[in-house]
């Protein structure tokens, strides 16, 4: 990956980023993008398959600065501890990207309550926990930007894709993001 490609598009030098879901998929790619634009990146994920360390190692091989923090977005204490580490290592937080999430489609009539709750807890409550922990440090740092990854499934239903729990969680992320933007805009 060309470290300087993103810097031609935008520059995040001297900025600090925090990414949930950084061990794979969208979160991993955005962590790389932040790093290639010059940001120091704190990478957060629950994965135990080596994906999180792969993200950090790739960023460091690009010449960037990154560290890994293993935790669960369902537990705000994990997020607050990770954000405390961001403050210790980098002194501030400028941008956060919340991409941690799961899908696991299943027809509603076959879905047990624990499967429903797990998706809601990770995809929606996990984003709330992340935003709250991130905003607490951003407020100290003078403000920042929080980006939440939702899905088109939060506003449409894909015929044949039976995932009511996922769709509802992503619709919630969309509305949560709008609500927090309204509440926190004056806080920068």
Protein backbone atom coordinates (compact mmCIF):
# COMPACT_ATOMS: atom_id res chain seq x y z
CA UNK A 1 0.00 0.00 0.00
CA UNK A 2 1.33 3.42 -0.96
CA UNK A 3 1.59 5.47 2.24
CA UNK A 4 1.41 8.71 0.29
CA UNK A 5 -1.63 7.92 -1.88
CA UNK A 6 -4.21 9.10 0.66
CA UNK A 7 -2.14 12.16 1.53
CA UNK A 8 -2.76 13.38 -2.00
CA UNK A 9 -6.49 13.19 -1.19
CA UNK A 10 -6.43 14.41 2.41
CA UNK A 11 -3.85 14.88 5.12
CA UNK A 12 -4.21 13.52 8.66
CA UNK A 13 -0.65 14.23 9.77
CA UNK A 14 -0.45 14.97 13.50
CA UNK A 15 -3.97 13.55 13.95
CA UNK A 16 -4.98 10.57 16.08
CA UNK A 17 -7.58 8.03 14.96
CA UNK A 18 -9.36 5.22 16.79
CA UNK A 19 -10.97 2.38 14.80
CA UNK A 20 -13.30 -0.32 16.14
CA UNK A 21 -13.50 -3.47 14.05
CA UNK A 22 -9.94 -2.82 12.87
CA UNK A 23 -9.08 -6.52 12.62
CA UNK A 24 -10.90 -7.16 9.33
CA UNK A 25 -13.11 -5.83 6.57
CA UNK A 26 -14.17 -2.20 6.43
CA UNK A 27 -12.53 -1.27 9.74
CA UNK A 28 -9.19 -2.72 8.69
CA UNK A 29 -9.22 -0.93 5.32
CA UNK A 30 -10.15 2.39 6.91
CA UNK A 31 -7.40 1.98 9.53
CA UNK A 32 -4.97 1.55 6.61
CA UNK A 33 -6.44 4.62 4.92
CA UNK A 34 -6.09 6.75 8.05
CA UNK A 35 -2.48 5.62 8.48
CA UNK A 36 -1.63 6.24 4.82
CA UNK A 37 -2.95 9.79 5.28
CA UNK A 38 -0.55 10.27 8.20
CA UNK A 39 -2.73 9.57 11.26
CA UNK A 40 -1.56 7.66 14.31
CA UNK A 41 -4.06 4.81 14.62
CA UNK A 42 -5.36 2.95 17.66
CA UNK A 43 -6.86 -0.33 16.45
CA UNK A 44 -9.60 -1.99 18.53
CA UNK A 45 -11.20 -5.39 17.95
CA UNK A 46 -12.29 -8.57 19.70
CA UNK A 47 -10.81 -10.88 17.05
CA UNK A 48 -8.46 -13.64 18.13
CA UNK A 49 -7.50 -14.77 14.62
CA UNK A 50 -4.52 -12.43 14.20
CA UNK A 51 -6.38 -9.83 12.14
CA UNK A 52 -5.87 -7.04 14.66
CA UNK A 53 -2.12 -7.59 14.87
CA UNK A 54 -1.99 -7.84 11.07
CA UNK A 55 -3.56 -4.39 10.85
CA UNK A 56 -1.06 -2.86 13.28
CA UNK A 57 1.91 -4.62 11.65
CA UNK A 58 0.86 -3.43 8.18
CA UNK A 59 0.52 0.16 9.41
CA UNK A 60 3.95 -0.02 11.04
CA UNK A 61 5.46 -1.53 7.87
CA UNK A 62 4.05 1.51 6.01
CA UNK A 63 6.02 3.68 8.41
CA UNK A 64 2.98 4.64 10.44
CA UNK A 65 2.29 4.60 14.15
CA UNK A 66 -0.32 2.20 15.53
CA UNK A 67 -1.16 0.00 18.47
CA UNK A 68 -3.67 -2.79 19.08
CA UNK A 69 -6.20 -3.03 21.88
CA UNK A 70 -8.28 -6.17 22.25
CA UNK A 71 -11.71 -5.57 23.69
CA UNK A 72 -15.45 -5.97 23.25
CA UNK A 73 -17.63 -3.04 22.11
CA UNK A 74 -20.44 -4.45 24.25
CA UNK A 75 -18.43 -3.46 27.34
CA UNK A 76 -17.95 0.28 27.76
CA UNK A 77 -15.20 -0.39 30.31
CA UNK A 78 -13.12 -2.02 27.53
CA UNK A 79 -13.64 1.03 25.34
CA UNK A 80 -12.83 3.49 28.09
CA UNK A 81 -9.64 1.55 28.86
CA UNK A 82 -8.69 1.61 25.16
CA UNK A 83 -9.39 5.35 24.95
CA UNK A 84 -7.30 5.90 28.10
CA UNK A 85 -4.47 4.11 26.28
CA UNK A 86 -4.98 6.41 23.27
CA UNK A 87 -4.58 9.37 25.62
CA UNK A 88 -1.46 7.84 27.21
CA UNK A 89 0.23 6.97 23.91
CA UNK A 90 -0.94 9.80 21.65
CA UNK A 91 -2.28 12.50 23.99
CA UNK A 92 -5.54 13.17 22.16
CA UNK A 93 -8.22 11.79 19.85
CA UNK A 94 -9.24 13.57 16.65
CA UNK A 95 -11.23 11.03 14.64
CA UNK A 96 -13.01 7.78 15.48
CA UNK A 97 -14.43 5.21 13.10
CA UNK A 98 -16.86 2.62 14.46
CA UNK A 99 -17.00 -0.42 12.18
CA UNK A 100 -17.26 -3.31 14.64
CA UNK A 101 -20.30 -5.42 13.78
CA UNK A 102 -21.74 -8.80 12.86
CA UNK A 103 -24.49 -10.04 10.54
CA UNK A 104 -25.42 -13.78 10.90
CA UNK A 105 -28.67 -13.80 8.90
CA UNK A 106 -31.49 -16.03 10.09
CA UNK A 107 -35.24 -16.04 9.42
CA UNK A 108 -37.17 -14.28 12.20
CA UNK A 109 -39.31 -17.33 12.97
CA UNK A 110 -36.20 -19.44 13.49
CA UNK A 111 -34.24 -16.84 15.45
CA UNK A 112 -33.91 -17.26 19.18
CA UNK A 113 -33.90 -14.18 21.44
CA UNK A 114 -30.18 -14.56 22.26
CA UNK A 115 -29.23 -14.30 18.57
CA UNK A 116 -31.37 -11.17 18.21
CA UNK A 117 -29.87 -9.63 21.34
CA UNK A 118 -26.26 -10.40 20.39
CA UNK A 119 -26.60 -8.55 17.07
CA UNK A 120 -28.32 -5.57 18.72
CA UNK A 121 -25.71 -5.50 21.50
CA UNK A 122 -22.74 -5.52 19.13
CA UNK A 123 -24.07 -3.49 16.21
CA UNK A 124 -26.09 -0.83 18.04
CA UNK A 125 -25.19 -0.75 21.72
CA UNK A 126 -21.54 -1.28 20.74
CA UNK A 127 -21.66 1.85 18.58
CA UNK A 128 -23.29 3.81 21.43
CA UNK A 129 -20.60 2.61 23.86
CA UNK A 130 -17.89 3.50 21.36
CA UNK A 131 -19.27 6.97 20.66
CA UNK A 132 -19.62 7.74 24.36
CA UNK A 133 -16.06 6.66 25.24
CA UNK A 134 -14.59 8.43 22.20
CA UNK A 135 -16.50 11.65 22.80
CA UNK A 136 -15.30 11.81 26.40
CA UNK A 137 -11.67 12.17 25.23
CA UNK A 138 -12.59 14.29 22.22
CA UNK A 139 -14.26 16.77 24.54
CA UNK A 140 -10.97 17.08 26.46
CA UNK A 141 -9.08 17.42 23.15
CA UNK A 142 -11.22 20.27 21.83
CA UNK A 143 -13.50 18.22 19.59
CA UNK A 144 -13.25 15.69 16.82
CA UNK A 145 -15.13 13.60 14.29
CA UNK A 146 -16.95 10.32 14.88
CA UNK A 147 -17.88 8.19 11.88
CA UNK A 148 -20.28 5.28 12.36
CA UNK A 149 -20.55 2.54 9.75
CA UNK A 150 -24.16 1.51 9.17
CA UNK A 151 -25.54 -0.23 6.07
CA UNK A 152 -28.00 0.30 3.28
CA UNK A 153 -29.92 -2.43 5.14
CA UNK A 154 -30.71 0.22 7.73
CA UNK A 155 -33.02 1.95 5.24
CA UNK A 156 -34.07 -0.86 2.85
CA UNK A 157 -34.93 -4.55 3.10
CA UNK A 158 -33.18 -6.89 0.68
CA UNK A 159 -35.64 -9.43 -0.69
CA UNK A 160 -34.54 -12.93 0.28
CA UNK A 161 -32.03 -11.78 2.89
CA UNK A 162 -33.68 -12.63 6.20
CA UNK A 163 -31.94 -10.54 8.82
CA UNK A 164 -34.47 -8.45 10.73
CA UNK A 165 -32.08 -8.14 13.69
CA UNK A 166 -29.25 -6.80 11.51
CA UNK A 167 -31.52 -4.40 9.61
CA UNK A 168 -32.95 -2.99 12.85
CA UNK A 169 -29.48 -2.60 14.37
CA UNK A 170 -28.22 -0.66 11.36
CA UNK A 171 -31.34 1.52 11.24
CA UNK A 172 -30.61 2.28 14.88
CA UNK A 173 -27.01 3.23 14.05
CA UNK A 174 -28.24 5.68 11.42
CA UNK A 175 -30.63 7.37 13.82
CA UNK A 176 -28.16 7.26 16.72
CA UNK A 177 -25.61 9.05 14.52
CA UNK A 178 -28.11 11.78 13.63
CA UNK A 179 -29.17 12.15 17.25
CA UNK A 180 -25.62 12.42 18.57
CA UNK A 181 -24.70 14.87 15.80
CA UNK A 182 -27.54 17.12 16.94
CA UNK A 183 -26.58 16.82 20.61
CA UNK A 184 -22.82 17.17 20.19
CA UNK A 185 -22.48 19.65 17.29
CA UNK A 186 -22.04 22.61 19.64
CA UNK A 187 -19.32 20.66 21.49
CA UNK A 188 -17.31 20.50 18.24
